[in-house]
Amino acid sequence: IKTKSKAEAALVTRRQREHVLFVEPAEPRAGDTVRVHYNPSNTSLAGATEVYIIGGYNRWTHAESIGPLQMVAGDTASSHVSVEFTIPSDAFKMDFVFSNSADGTGSFDNNNKLDYHVPVTGGVHKVTGEPVVEPPLHVVSICVEMAPIAKVGGLGDVVTSLARAVQDEGHNVEVILPKHDTIDYTQVEGFVETTGFSWGMTYNRVFYGKVEGVDTYFIDPENGMFRVGMIYGTDYLEIPMTDAERFGFFSKAALEWLLQSKRQPDIIHCHDWQTAPCAKSFWQDYQPFGLSNPRVVFTIHNLNYGAELIEEAMSFAQVSTTVSRTYAEEISSHQSIRDNLDKFHGVVNGIDPEIWDPANDDFLPRFYDEADMVEGKAAAREALCNHSNIPNKAGVPMVGVVTRLSSQKGIHLIKRGIMRSLERGCQVVLLGSAPDPVIQQEFDMLFHELKQSYHDFMCFHLYYNEPLSHLIYAGSDMLLVPSMFEPCGLSQLIAMRYGTVPIVRRTGGLNDTVFDYDMDHKKAEWEGMTPNGFSFDGTNDDAIDYALNRGMDLAYNKPAEFRKLQANCMSQDWSWNRPALEYIEVYHAARKPY
């Protein structure tokens, strides 16, 4: 199944590129002739009277090059131009950029610095005759969260799942993490102390183990910076250490360990403000003094925190990303971002289908897949109602909410969505807590008020509980995600994996992953999918009512169509298959010598 879904992900990626670039044959072989077709009208070369292809092979490392060759128009009805040439017998990849000038003085289309790359099959080494394959990358991710052992938010999920996905593509991935004293180290396979080093006026012990199959190293400074009983929050303690100071120390300690252990990875991948200091420190303190091989990729998971550190990392990183295309557009004018847009990319997060899998989820009363989705979700709903101490009213939709109760998540829209769902006769179960005690009290009061009129229809669980979240994802018919902004969002992806229809506000990653049942057929088709939810644009009651009412109308009036929509959600691939391929291209782009 995994091999098939990877092949389908690669096919969608290739098909999406065809409006700009395609080749004949579609799967070129080394030693054969290939024709490259390019459509400048959909690129920065729109309107060019001449187009030239400039290329190479094997990530630009091959001795042979392509052109510059002038591309010529074919069918007058088409805006594509093309050119033909022969691929060397020892190639595994073709690499292209395009220009409107043959002498390098004109404008270029380099795919926003990623270049264009086409795989080549059948290449053999000219001396040994062995098959030629792309060498694996060595990627080191430096971060302060990692699921499931050190997870506070979505950052931890992304670090683990991306590492596993890139590793599955044949690359060598390692993670460096602080040795938080809050981690249950029995969850770390083969956990052992391996070495240590003196740096930063303290001795730093280094431990090793595997987390979800990923090689992970833990740095434990004896100055006690990570023996504080929490991952975040020391700014509010009496101890004289802020989170920024602790994570700044860790960022540089991780680089120091790479230097002292004589590692020379290809990529150092740092994440958010917490390890943003890696980017500047690498180039100023380590690259000139022995840690010479790596290049830096920086990912913004949430611009809401640490803007100054993010701006610094954006300047020093070779390539930067954020966690969805729409969020990249939304933050592109921010002071931290705008001066480095030419190396900034949006890559939509995925979820790990082995971790979130209703066919193998021990938190559910029974396993299920698409074939027995109705029965499986019914059993989960029964268990959810029992846990929530409400009767199971199986003839009405169940609306779930799994969220952090903060302003980002659209507090007023969550309240309105709950109220509208109850007014329409739905059952509602909410799971979540608020960092702000005032908001926590508001929801506690709202729960008691609503219980007076809707005691059999709703329950709030105002805390976080991992097993219960699985029950809500599986036992709900719809999941409400009305965020004011959402860099990517994972709850809508998890919901779809469990056959639950997302109701979302059209922002950030929600806009990139949820295709409205009534309006987004073309958008879904572009992603190789069909519509999978309901969405809205505004921030008032009417806006969320518009999406919710359409979802509830379908569930009430056309239950068979609604079940078909749920099954469609389950069938879609929101794994890391495609994002991993995109990140691998980002990693290679970071290593380009120009």
Protein backbone atom coordinates (compact mmCIF):
# COMPACT_ATOMS: atom_id res chain seq x y z
CA ILE A 1 0.00 0.00 0.00
CA LYS A 2 2.80 2.42 0.92
CA THR A 3 4.62 1.75 -2.37
CA LYS A 4 1.41 2.33 -4.34
CA SER A 5 0.62 5.59 -2.52
CA LYS A 6 4.18 6.84 -3.07
CA ALA A 7 3.86 6.15 -6.80
CA GLU A 8 0.50 7.95 -6.91
CA ALA A 9 2.00 10.94 -5.05
CA ALA A 10 4.84 11.17 -7.58
CA LEU A 11 2.33 10.93 -10.43
CA VAL A 12 0.23 13.83 -9.07
CA THR A 13 3.38 15.94 -8.65
CA ARG A 14 4.38 15.22 -12.25
CA ARG A 15 0.89 15.96 -13.57
CA GLN A 16 0.74 19.30 -11.73
CA ARG A 17 4.00 20.32 -13.38
CA GLU A 18 2.75 19.56 -16.89
CA HIS A 19 1.17 22.97 -17.38
CA VAL A 20 4.76 24.27 -17.34
CA LEU A 21 7.00 21.31 -18.20
CA PHE A 22 6.62 17.77 -19.50
CA VAL A 23 8.85 15.33 -21.34
CA GLU A 24 8.38 12.67 -23.99
CA PRO A 25 8.64 9.86 -23.14
CA ALA A 26 7.12 10.54 -19.72
CA GLU A 27 9.69 8.25 -18.08
CA PRO A 28 12.93 8.89 -19.98
CA ARG A 29 15.77 6.34 -19.99
CA ALA A 30 19.49 6.99 -19.92
CA GLY A 31 21.07 6.77 -23.37
CA ASP A 32 17.80 7.55 -25.16
CA THR A 33 16.51 10.66 -26.87
CA VAL A 34 14.09 12.88 -24.94
CA ARG A 35 11.97 15.86 -25.97
CA VAL A 36 11.38 18.56 -23.35
CA HIS A 37 8.23 20.69 -23.66
CA TYR A 38 8.04 24.01 -21.79
CA ASN A 39 5.24 26.57 -21.49
CA PRO A 40 6.73 30.02 -20.77
CA SER A 41 3.30 31.68 -20.57
CA ASN A 42 2.80 30.14 -17.11
CA THR A 43 6.17 31.32 -15.78
CA SER A 44 8.33 34.39 -15.24
CA LEU A 45 9.27 34.19 -18.94
CA ALA A 46 5.73 34.98 -20.12
CA GLY A 47 5.87 37.00 -23.33
CA ALA A 48 9.44 35.98 -24.20
CA THR A 49 10.11 35.93 -27.96
CA GLU A 50 12.92 33.39 -27.54
CA VAL A 51 13.32 30.62 -24.97
CA TYR A 52 16.50 28.67 -24.23
CA ILE A 53 16.96 25.57 -22.10
CA ILE A 54 20.09 25.37 -19.95
CA GLY A 55 20.63 22.13 -18.10
CA GLY A 56 22.72 19.37 -16.71
CA TYR A 57 22.47 15.96 -15.16
CA ASN A 58 22.68 14.28 -11.76
CA ARG A 59 21.90 17.40 -9.71
CA TRP A 60 24.26 19.44 -11.88
CA THR A 61 27.25 17.24 -10.99
CA HIS A 62 27.64 15.46 -14.35
CA ALA A 63 30.42 16.50 -16.74
CA GLU A 64 27.98 16.91 -19.63
CA SER A 65 25.62 19.84 -19.89
CA ILE A 66 22.54 20.79 -21.92
CA GLY A 67 22.73 23.86 -24.12
CA PRO A 68 21.93 26.63 -24.09
CA LEU A 69 19.58 25.26 -26.75
CA GLN A 70 16.87 27.36 -28.35
CA MET A 71 13.42 25.82 -27.98
CA VAL A 72 11.03 25.99 -30.90
CA ALA A 73 7.26 26.24 -31.14
CA GLY A 74 5.30 23.31 -32.47
CA ASP A 75 1.54 23.31 -32.84
CA THR A 76 0.42 26.92 -33.28
CA ALA A 77 -2.53 26.23 -30.97
CA SER A 78 -0.14 25.41 -28.12
CA SER A 79 1.98 27.85 -26.12
CA HIS A 80 4.60 25.17 -25.46
CA VAL A 81 8.04 25.24 -27.02
CA SER A 82 10.26 22.16 -27.18
CA VAL A 83 13.72 20.79 -27.87
CA GLU A 84 15.20 17.31 -28.29
CA PHE A 85 18.53 15.85 -27.13
CA THR A 86 20.11 12.57 -26.00
CA ILE A 87 20.55 11.67 -22.34
CA PRO A 88 23.98 10.36 -21.22
CA SER A 89 24.09 6.66 -20.39
CA ASP A 90 25.13 7.31 -16.77
CA ALA A 91 22.39 9.81 -15.81
CA PHE A 92 19.80 9.42 -13.04
CA LYS A 93 18.37 12.95 -13.19
CA MET A 94 17.95 15.77 -15.72
CA ASP A 95 18.21 19.34 -14.38
CA PHE A 96 16.86 22.43 -16.15
CA VAL A 97 16.45 26.18 -15.98
CA PHE A 98 15.08 28.34 -18.79
CA SER A 99 16.08 31.78 -20.09
CA ASN A 100 15.09 34.30 -22.73
CA SER A 101 18.72 34.79 -23.67
CA ALA A 102 21.44 32.40 -24.83
CA ASP A 103 24.30 34.34 -23.22
CA GLY A 104 23.07 34.35 -19.63
CA THR A 105 22.25 38.06 -19.56
CA GLY A 106 18.46 37.80 -19.70
CA SER A 107 15.72 36.66 -17.36
CA PHE A 108 15.59 33.16 -15.92
CA ASP A 109 12.93 30.74 -14.73
CA ASN A 110 14.59 28.55 -12.11
CA ASN A 111 11.37 27.37 -10.43
CA ASN A 112 11.82 29.75 -7.51
CA LYS A 113 15.42 28.52 -7.00
CA LEU A 114 14.39 24.85 -6.90
CA ASP A 115 15.20 24.34 -10.63
CA TYR A 116 13.32 21.72 -12.66
CA HIS A 117 14.31 18.08 -12.23
CA VAL A 118 13.15 14.99 -14.13
CA PRO A 119 14.08 11.45 -13.02
CA VAL A 120 15.91 9.22 -15.48
CA THR A 121 15.85 5.41 -15.32
CA GLY A 122 18.34 2.83 -16.54
CA GLY A 123 21.57 4.75 -15.99
CA VAL A 124 24.76 2.69 -15.49
CA HIS A 125 28.26 3.66 -14.39
CA LYS A 126 30.58 3.92 -17.42
CA VAL A 127 33.43 2.07 -15.70
CA THR A 128 31.81 -0.47 -13.38
CA GLY A 129 28.56 -1.04 -15.24
CA GLU A 130 26.70 -0.79 -11.93
CA PRO A 131 23.31 0.98 -11.85
CA VAL A 132 23.59 4.71 -11.20
CA VAL A 133 21.40 5.92 -8.34
CA GLU A 134 21.07 9.23 -6.57
CA PRO A 135 23.32 9.33 -3.48
CA PRO A 136 21.41 9.62 -0.19
CA LEU A 137 21.42 12.87 1.74
CA HIS A 138 22.47 13.11 5.39
CA VAL A 139 19.94 15.37 7.14
CA VAL A 140 20.19 16.48 10.78
CA SER A 141 17.10 18.07 12.29
CA ILE A 142 17.77 20.28 15.33
CA CYS A 143 14.59 20.91 17.33
CA VAL A 144 13.12 21.08 20.84
CA GLU A 145 9.99 18.96 20.25
CA MET A 146 9.57 15.45 18.88
CA ALA A 147 6.44 13.30 19.02
CA PRO A 148 5.51 11.27 20.90
CA ILE A 149 8.17 11.79 23.59
CA ALA A 150 8.38 15.60 23.70
CA LYS A 151 5.24 16.94 22.08
CA VAL A 152 3.54 20.22 22.94
CA GLY A 153 2.01 21.10 19.57
CA GLY A 154 2.13 20.25 15.91
CA LEU A 155 5.88 20.95 15.68
CA GLY A 156 6.65 17.68 17.42
CA ASP A 157 4.44 15.71 15.02
CA VAL A 158 6.07 17.29 11.98
CA VAL A 159 9.63 16.67 13.14
CA THR A 160 9.01 12.94 13.67
CA SER A 161 6.81 12.30 10.66
CA LEU A 162 9.00 14.24 8.21
CA ALA A 163 12.11 12.45 9.47
CA ARG A 164 10.44 9.06 8.99
CA ALA A 165 9.18 9.97 5.51
CA VAL A 166 12.53 11.30 4.25
CA GLN A 167 14.22 8.23 5.75
CA ASP A 168 11.74 6.02 3.88
CA GLU A 169 12.93 7.66 0.65
CA GLY A 170 16.40 6.25 1.31
CA HIS A 171 18.09 9.16 3.06
CA ASN A 172 19.98 9.23 6.37
CA VAL A 173 18.11 11.31 8.97
CA GLU A 174 19.11 12.15 12.55
CA VAL A 175 17.40 14.35 15.14
CA ILE A 176 19.10 16.31 17.92
CA LEU A 177 16.89 17.15 20.90
CA PRO A 178 17.43 18.58 24.40
CA LYS A 179 17.30 15.91 27.08
CA HIS A 180 14.15 17.26 28.70
CA ASP A 181 13.55 15.79 32.14
CA THR A 182 9.84 15.50 31.27
CA ILE A 183 10.44 12.74 28.69
CA ASP A 184 9.53 9.15 29.45
CA TYR A 185 12.76 7.55 28.25
CA THR A 186 11.27 4.07 28.35
CA GLN A 187 9.63 5.09 25.05
CA VAL A 188 13.07 5.55 23.48
CA GLU A 189 14.40 2.33 21.98
CA GLY A 190 17.97 1.44 23.00
CA PHE A 191 18.39 4.56 25.11
CA VAL A 192 22.02 4.85 26.24
CA GLU A 193 24.62 7.48 27.10
CA THR A 194 27.23 7.54 24.34
CA THR A 195 29.63 10.44 24.82
CA GLY A 196 29.90 14.01 25.99
CA PHE A 197 31.76 17.24 25.41
CA SER A 198 32.79 20.36 27.30
CA TRP A 199 31.37 23.58 25.95
CA GLY A 200 29.49 26.65 27.17
CA MET A 201 31.15 26.55 30.60
CA THR A 202 29.60 23.16 31.36
CA TYR A 203 29.88 19.49 30.46
CA ASN A 204 27.25 18.24 28.04
CA ARG A 205 26.31 14.57 28.18
CA VAL A 206 25.05 13.00 24.94
CA PHE A 207 22.53 10.16 24.84
CA TYR A 208 21.29 8.10 21.90
CA GLY A 209 18.16 6.10 21.09
CA LYS A 210 15.60 5.48 18.37
CA VAL A 211 12.29 7.36 18.40
CA GLU A 212 9.72 5.92 15.99
CA GLY A 213 12.62 4.35 14.09
CA VAL A 214 14.62 7.60 13.80
CA ASP A 215 18.16 7.96 15.20
CA THR A 216 17.86 10.59 17.93
CA TYR A 217 20.52 12.26 20.07
CA PHE A 218 19.78 14.02 23.35
CA ILE A 219 22.03 16.77 24.73
CA ASP A 220 22.02 17.12 28.52
CA PRO A 221 24.02 20.11 29.80
CA GLU A 222 25.00 19.73 33.44
CA ASN A 223 24.10 23.37 34.07
CA GLY A 224 20.53 22.09 34.45
CA MET A 225 18.92 24.04 31.62
CA PHE A 226 16.65 21.13 30.70
CA ARG A 227 16.03 19.80 34.19
CA VAL A 228 13.22 22.22 34.91
CA GLY A 229 10.12 20.01 34.79
CA MET A 230 8.77 21.46 31.52
CA ILE A 231 9.55 21.99 27.86
CA TYR A 232 8.34 25.61 27.77
CA GLY A 233 7.61 28.09 30.52
CA THR A 234 10.80 28.95 32.41
CA ASP A 235 10.24 32.66 31.71
CA TYR A 236 7.67 32.50 34.52
CA LEU A 237 9.82 30.62 37.04
CA GLU A 238 12.12 32.09 39.65
CA ILE A 239 15.15 30.42 38.07
CA PRO A 240 17.31 32.89 36.06
CA MET A 241 16.80 31.21 32.66
CA THR A 242 14.32 32.10 29.94
CA ASP A 243 13.18 29.71 27.22
CA ALA A 244 15.01 31.82 24.63
CA GLU A 245 18.26 31.55 26.60
CA ARG A 246 17.90 27.79 27.08
CA PHE A 247 17.06 27.07 23.45
CA GLY A 248 19.74 29.48 22.21
CA PHE A 249 22.27 27.53 24.27
CA PHE A 250 20.94 24.23 22.92
CA SER A 251 21.06 25.44 19.29
CA LYS A 252 24.76 26.19 19.56
CA ALA A 253 25.49 23.09 21.67
CA ALA A 254 24.00 20.96 18.89
CA LEU A 255 26.33 22.57 16.35
CA GLU A 256 29.26 22.13 18.72
CA TRP A 257 28.46 18.43 19.05
CA LEU A 258 28.31 18.05 15.25
CA LEU A 259 31.76 19.66 15.06
CA GLN A 260 33.32 17.67 17.88
CA SER A 261 31.82 14.36 16.68
CA LYS A 262 33.28 15.07 13.21
CA ARG A 263 29.88 14.80 11.55
CA GLN A 264 29.50 16.52 8.20
CA PRO A 265 25.80 16.27 7.29
CA ASP A 266 24.51 17.66 4.03
CA ILE A 267 21.63 19.56 5.65
CA ILE A 268 21.01 21.11 9.04
CA HIS A 269 17.25 21.60 9.36
CA CYS A 270 16.23 23.97 12.17
CA HIS A 271 12.69 24.73 13.25
CA ASP A 272 10.88 27.88 14.41
CA TRP A 273 12.27 30.48 16.80
CA GLN A 274 13.50 27.83 19.22
CA THR A 275 16.38 26.63 17.03
CA ALA A 276 16.48 29.60 14.63
CA PRO A 277 19.83 30.66 16.20
CA CYS A 278 21.43 27.63 14.47
CA ALA A 279 21.38 29.43 11.11
CA LYS A 280 23.46 32.47 12.06
CA SER A 281 25.72 30.60 14.46
CA PHE A 282 26.51 27.94 11.87
CA TRP A 283 27.80 30.43 9.32
CA GLN A 284 29.61 32.69 11.79
CA ASP A 285 30.97 30.26 14.39
CA TYR A 286 31.18 26.79 12.81
CA GLN A 287 31.28 26.72 9.01
CA PRO A 288 34.64 28.57 8.86
CA PHE A 289 36.16 26.36 11.55
CA GLY A 290 35.67 22.78 10.42
CA LEU A 291 31.90 22.13 10.09
CA SER A 292 32.16 23.03 6.43
CA ASN A 293 29.87 20.68 4.49
CA PRO A 294 26.29 21.38 5.73
CA ARG A 295 23.83 23.89 4.38
CA VAL A 296 20.90 25.25 6.39
CA VAL A 297 17.15 24.84 5.84
CA PHE A 298 14.82 26.71 8.20
CA THR A 299 11.10 26.00 8.68
CA ILE A 300 8.54 28.38 10.16
CA HIS A 301 5.79 26.41 11.89
CA ASN A 302 4.11 29.47 13.42
CA LEU A 303 5.12 33.10 12.89
CA ASN A 304 3.18 34.14 15.97
CA TYR A 305 6.25 33.70 18.17
CA GLY A 306 9.88 34.86 18.00
CA ALA A 307 9.71 37.11 14.94
CA GLU A 308 13.19 38.61 15.45
CA LEU A 309 14.88 35.22 15.65
CA ILE A 310 12.87 34.05 12.64
CA GLU A 311 13.98 37.08 10.60
CA GLU A 312 17.61 36.33 11.45
CA ALA A 313 17.27 32.68 10.44
CA MET A 314 15.51 33.65 7.20
CA SER A 315 18.55 35.74 6.29
CA PHE A 316 21.17 33.09 7.03
CA ALA A 317 19.37 29.94 5.80
CA GLN A 318 19.95 28.83 2.20
CA VAL A 319 16.29 27.85 1.82
CA SER A 320 13.34 28.43 4.13
CA THR A 321 9.90 26.88 4.23
CA THR A 322 6.61 27.11 6.03
CA VAL A 323 3.95 24.50 6.53
CA SER A 324 1.44 25.32 3.77
CA ARG A 325 1.27 27.28 0.53
CA THR A 326 -1.55 29.56 1.64
CA TYR A 327 0.17 30.39 4.93
CA ALA A 328 3.32 31.27 2.95
CA GLU A 329 1.25 33.77 0.97
CA GLU A 330 -0.46 35.12 4.09
CA ILE A 331 2.81 35.92 5.87
CA SER A 332 4.84 36.96 2.80
CA SER A 333 4.58 40.68 3.60
CA HIS A 334 5.70 40.26 7.21
CA GLN A 335 8.91 42.07 8.12
CA SER A 336 10.58 38.78 9.05
CA ILE A 337 9.85 37.26 5.64
CA ARG A 338 9.58 39.85 2.89
CA ASP A 339 13.29 40.39 2.20
CA ASN A 340 13.85 36.68 1.54
CA LEU A 341 10.83 35.67 -0.53
CA ASP A 342 13.04 34.36 -3.33
CA LYS A 343 14.08 31.41 -1.15
CA PHE A 344 10.80 30.89 0.73
CA HIS A 345 8.51 27.93 -0.05
CA GLY A 346 5.21 26.61 1.28
CA VAL A 347 5.08 22.83 1.76
CA VAL A 348 1.84 21.38 3.15
CA ASN A 349 2.36 19.13 6.17
CA GLY A 350 1.14 15.56 6.20
CA ILE A 351 0.24 13.08 8.90
CA ASP A 352 1.81 9.72 9.58
CA PRO A 353 -0.76 7.13 8.42
CA GLU A 354 0.82 4.44 10.60
CA ILE A 355 0.30 6.52 13.74
CA TRP A 356 -3.17 7.75 12.73
CA ASP A 357 -4.78 4.58 11.41
CA PRO A 358 -8.36 3.53 12.26
CA ALA A 359 -7.54 0.04 11.00
CA ASN A 360 -4.92 -0.33 13.73
CA ASP A 361 -5.84 2.08 16.53
CA ASP A 362 -5.88 0.57 20.01
CA PHE A 363 -7.79 3.58 21.37
CA LEU A 364 -10.88 2.57 19.37
CA PRO A 365 -13.42 -0.09 20.42
CA ARG A 366 -12.93 -1.77 17.04
CA PHE A 367 -10.72 -1.32 14.00
CA TYR A 368 -12.20 -0.20 10.68
CA ASP A 369 -11.28 0.85 7.17
CA GLU A 370 -13.26 2.16 4.18
CA ALA A 371 -15.05 -1.17 3.71
CA ASP A 372 -16.62 -1.18 7.19
CA MET A 373 -16.45 2.53 7.96
CA VAL A 374 -20.11 2.83 8.96
CA GLU A 375 -19.90 0.04 11.53
CA GLY A 376 -16.54 1.20 12.84
CA LYS A 377 -17.61 4.80 13.30
CA ALA A 378 -20.85 3.67 14.95
CA ALA A 379 -18.90 1.67 17.53
CA ALA A 380 -16.60 4.64 18.18
CA ARG A 381 -19.59 6.94 18.60
CA GLU A 382 -21.18 4.58 21.13
CA ALA A 383 -17.94 4.53 23.14
CA LEU A 384 -17.63 8.33 22.87
CA CYS A 385 -21.16 8.86 24.18
CA ASN A 386 -20.55 6.44 27.04
CA HIS A 387 -17.35 8.26 27.97
CA SER A 388 -19.19 11.59 27.78
CA ASN A 389 -22.18 10.34 29.80
CA ILE A 390 -24.73 11.26 27.14
CA PRO A 391 -27.15 8.97 25.28
CA ASN A 392 -26.20 7.95 21.77
CA LYS A 393 -28.75 9.59 19.47
CA ALA A 394 -27.60 7.71 16.40
CA GLY A 395 -30.11 9.34 14.04
CA VAL A 396 -28.52 12.80 14.30
CA PRO A 397 -25.02 13.99 13.27
CA MET A 398 -22.23 14.09 15.85
CA VAL A 399 -20.08 17.25 15.65
CA GLY A 400 -16.64 17.05 17.25
CA VAL A 401 -14.18 19.74 18.35
CA VAL A 402 -10.57 18.89 19.24
CA THR A 403 -8.57 22.04 19.81
CA ARG A 404 -6.52 24.32 21.98
CA LEU A 405 -8.95 26.97 23.23
CA SER A 406 -7.09 30.11 22.17
CA SER A 407 -7.86 33.17 20.07
CA GLN A 408 -5.98 31.67 17.11
CA LYS A 409 -8.49 28.81 16.99
CA GLY A 410 -11.49 31.14 16.63
CA ILE A 411 -13.07 31.09 20.08
CA HIS A 412 -16.20 33.01 19.07
CA LEU A 413 -16.67 30.78 16.01
CA ILE A 414 -16.28 27.62 18.08
CA LYS A 415 -19.00 28.87 20.42
CA ARG A 416 -21.25 29.78 17.51
CA GLY A 417 -20.62 26.45 15.77
CA ILE A 418 -21.54 24.54 18.92
CA MET A 419 -24.71 26.59 19.35
CA ARG A 420 -25.77 26.19 15.72
CA SER A 421 -25.13 22.44 15.81
CA LEU A 422 -27.29 22.06 18.92
CA GLU A 423 -30.03 24.20 17.39
CA ARG A 424 -30.09 21.84 14.40
CA GLY A 425 -30.45 18.82 16.67
CA CYS A 426 -26.86 17.56 16.45
CA GLN A 427 -24.84 16.12 19.30
CA VAL A 428 -21.58 17.88 20.17
CA VAL A 429 -18.46 16.75 22.02
CA LEU A 430 -15.57 19.15 22.65
CA LEU A 431 -12.08 18.26 23.86
CA GLY A 432 -9.63 21.02 24.68
CA SER A 433 -8.16 23.32 27.27
CA ALA A 434 -7.24 27.00 27.35
CA PRO A 435 -3.82 28.41 28.29
CA ASP A 436 -5.70 31.52 29.44
CA PRO A 437 -7.65 30.78 32.65
CA VAL A 438 -10.28 33.39 31.69
CA ILE A 439 -11.11 31.48 28.48
CA GLN A 440 -11.05 28.20 30.38
CA GLN A 441 -13.63 29.60 32.82
CA GLU A 442 -15.76 30.92 29.94
CA PHE A 443 -16.07 27.44 28.47
CA ASP A 444 -16.72 25.90 31.85
CA MET A 445 -19.60 28.34 32.34
CA LEU A 446 -20.86 27.79 28.78
CA PHE A 447 -20.92 24.04 29.38
CA HIS A 448 -23.09 24.40 32.47
CA GLU A 449 -25.40 26.87 30.73
CA LEU A 450 -25.92 24.65 27.68
CA LYS A 451 -26.43 21.58 29.82
CA GLN A 452 -29.64 23.13 31.11
CA SER A 453 -31.28 22.89 27.68
CA TYR A 454 -29.18 20.30 25.85
CA HIS A 455 -28.15 17.86 28.59
CA ASP A 456 -28.55 14.80 26.33
CA PHE A 457 -26.84 16.38 23.36
CA MET A 458 -23.47 17.72 24.44
CA CYS A 459 -20.40 17.36 26.59
CA PHE A 460 -17.24 19.42 27.08
CA HIS A 461 -13.99 17.76 28.18
CA LEU A 462 -11.95 20.81 29.19
CA TYR A 463 -8.54 19.13 29.32
CA TYR A 464 -6.39 17.17 26.89
CA ASN A 465 -6.64 13.42 26.62
CA GLU A 466 -4.92 11.57 23.76
CA PRO A 467 -7.12 8.43 23.76
CA LEU A 468 -10.27 10.56 23.87
CA SER A 469 -9.08 12.60 20.88
CA HIS A 470 -8.97 9.38 18.84
CA LEU A 471 -12.53 8.54 19.90
CA ILE A 472 -13.75 11.99 18.81
CA TYR A 473 -11.99 11.81 15.44
CA ALA A 474 -13.56 8.38 14.82
CA GLY A 475 -16.95 8.84 16.48
CA SER A 476 -17.83 12.22 14.97
CA ASP A 477 -19.52 12.82 11.63
CA MET A 478 -18.09 16.32 11.28
CA LEU A 479 -15.15 18.13 12.91
CA LEU A 480 -15.26 21.88 13.45
CA VAL A 481 -11.98 23.78 12.74
CA PRO A 482 -12.86 27.52 12.43
CA SER A 483 -9.35 28.94 13.02
CA MET A 484 -8.63 32.63 12.59
CA PHE A 485 -5.26 31.60 11.20
CA GLU A 486 -3.81 28.13 10.84
CA PRO A 487 -0.29 27.62 9.47
CA CYS A 488 -1.21 24.08 8.43
CA GLY A 489 -3.41 22.29 10.92
CA LEU A 490 -3.35 18.56 11.59
CA SER A 491 -6.80 17.97 13.08
CA GLN A 492 -8.58 18.28 9.70
CA LEU A 493 -6.17 15.74 8.20
CA ILE A 494 -6.60 13.32 11.08
CA ALA A 495 -10.37 13.73 10.91
CA MET A 496 -10.42 12.78 7.23
CA ARG A 497 -8.24 9.76 7.91
CA TYR A 498 -10.99 8.57 10.29
CA GLY A 499 -13.86 9.33 7.88
CA THR A 500 -14.96 12.56 9.56
CA VAL A 501 -15.89 15.56 7.39
CA PRO A 502 -14.03 18.79 8.27
CA ILE A 503 -15.88 22.11 8.56
CA VAL A 504 -13.16 24.77 8.29
CA ARG A 505 -12.47 28.43 7.87
CA ARG A 506 -10.61 29.06 4.60
CA THR A 507 -7.16 30.05 5.90
CA GLY A 508 -3.61 28.70 5.82
CA GLY A 509 -3.30 24.96 5.52
CA LEU A 510 -7.05 24.51 5.95
CA ASN A 511 -7.46 26.20 2.57
CA ASP A 512 -4.85 23.90 1.01
CA THR A 513 -6.31 20.62 2.29
CA VAL A 514 -10.10 20.99 2.54
CA PHE A 515 -11.99 21.28 -0.75
CA ASP A 516 -15.55 22.51 -0.43
CA TYR A 517 -18.22 20.00 -1.42
CA ASP A 518 -20.15 22.55 -3.46
CA MET A 519 -17.49 24.90 -4.83
CA ASP A 520 -14.02 23.35 -5.03
CA HIS A 521 -14.32 20.61 -7.64
CA LYS A 522 -11.62 22.08 -9.90
CA LYS A 523 -9.33 22.79 -6.98
CA ALA A 524 -9.70 19.22 -5.73
CA GLU A 525 -9.10 17.83 -9.21
CA TRP A 526 -5.80 19.76 -9.38
CA GLU A 527 -4.68 17.83 -6.29
CA GLY A 528 -5.82 14.53 -7.78
CA MET A 529 -8.77 14.37 -5.38
CA THR A 530 -12.48 15.13 -5.05
CA PRO A 531 -14.20 17.49 -2.55
CA ASN A 532 -13.83 16.47 1.09
CA GLY A 533 -15.50 19.04 3.37
CA PHE A 534 -17.20 22.39 3.82
CA SER A 535 -15.50 25.75 4.19
CA PHE A 536 -16.28 29.43 4.78
CA ASP A 537 -14.42 32.73 4.50
CA GLY A 538 -15.78 35.24 7.02
CA THR A 539 -15.49 35.62 10.78
CA ASN A 540 -19.13 36.21 11.75
CA ASP A 541 -22.03 33.95 12.66
CA ASP A 542 -23.47 33.90 9.15
CA ALA A 543 -20.17 32.68 7.71
CA ILE A 544 -19.81 29.61 9.91
CA ASP A 545 -23.55 28.93 9.71
CA TYR A 546 -23.23 28.80 5.91
CA ALA A 547 -20.70 25.97 6.04
CA LEU A 548 -22.26 24.09 8.95
CA ASN A 549 -25.78 24.24 7.53
CA ARG A 550 -24.63 22.74 4.24
CA GLY A 551 -22.87 19.92 6.01
CA MET A 552 -25.82 19.20 8.29
CA ASP A 553 -28.30 19.44 5.38
CA LEU A 554 -26.35 16.78 3.50
CA ALA A 555 -26.18 14.54 6.57
CA TYR A 556 -29.91 14.90 7.34
CA ASN A 557 -31.38 14.97 3.84
CA LYS A 558 -28.98 12.81 1.81
CA PRO A 559 -27.39 10.41 4.30
CA ALA A 560 -26.12 8.08 1.58
CA GLU A 561 -24.31 10.99 -0.11
CA PHE A 562 -22.91 12.07 3.24
CA ARG A 563 -21.56 8.55 3.89
CA LYS A 564 -20.00 8.62 0.43
CA LEU A 565 -18.31 11.91 1.33
CA GLN A 566 -16.97 10.38 4.56
CA ALA A 567 -15.60 7.38 2.67
CA ASN A 568 -13.98 9.75 0.17
CA CYS A 569 -12.25 11.54 3.05
CA MET A 570 -10.84 8.20 4.24
CA SER A 571 -9.54 7.32 0.77
CA GLN A 572 -7.42 10.46 0.34
CA ASP A 573 -3.68 10.41 0.89
CA TRP A 574 -2.67 13.14 3.33
CA SER A 575 0.46 11.28 4.38
CA TRP A 576 4.00 12.63 4.08
CA ASN A 577 4.50 10.98 0.67
CA ARG A 578 4.26 14.18 -1.37
CA PRO A 579 5.62 16.60 1.26
CA ALA A 580 8.69 14.38 1.70
CA LEU A 581 9.43 14.59 -2.04
CA GLU A 582 9.06 18.38 -1.86
CA TYR A 583 11.38 18.63 1.15
CA ILE A 584 14.00 16.49 -0.58
CA GLU A 585 13.95 19.00 -3.47
CA VAL A 586 14.30 21.82 -0.92
CA TYR A 587 17.30 20.07 0.64
CA HIS A 588 18.98 19.68 -2.75
CA ALA A 589 18.24 23.32 -3.60
CA ALA A 590 19.99 24.39 -0.40
CA ARG A 591 23.13 22.60 -1.54
CA LYS A 592 23.35 24.23 -4.97
CA PRO A 593 26.69 26.05 -5.40
CA TYR A 594 25.06 29.13 -6.95
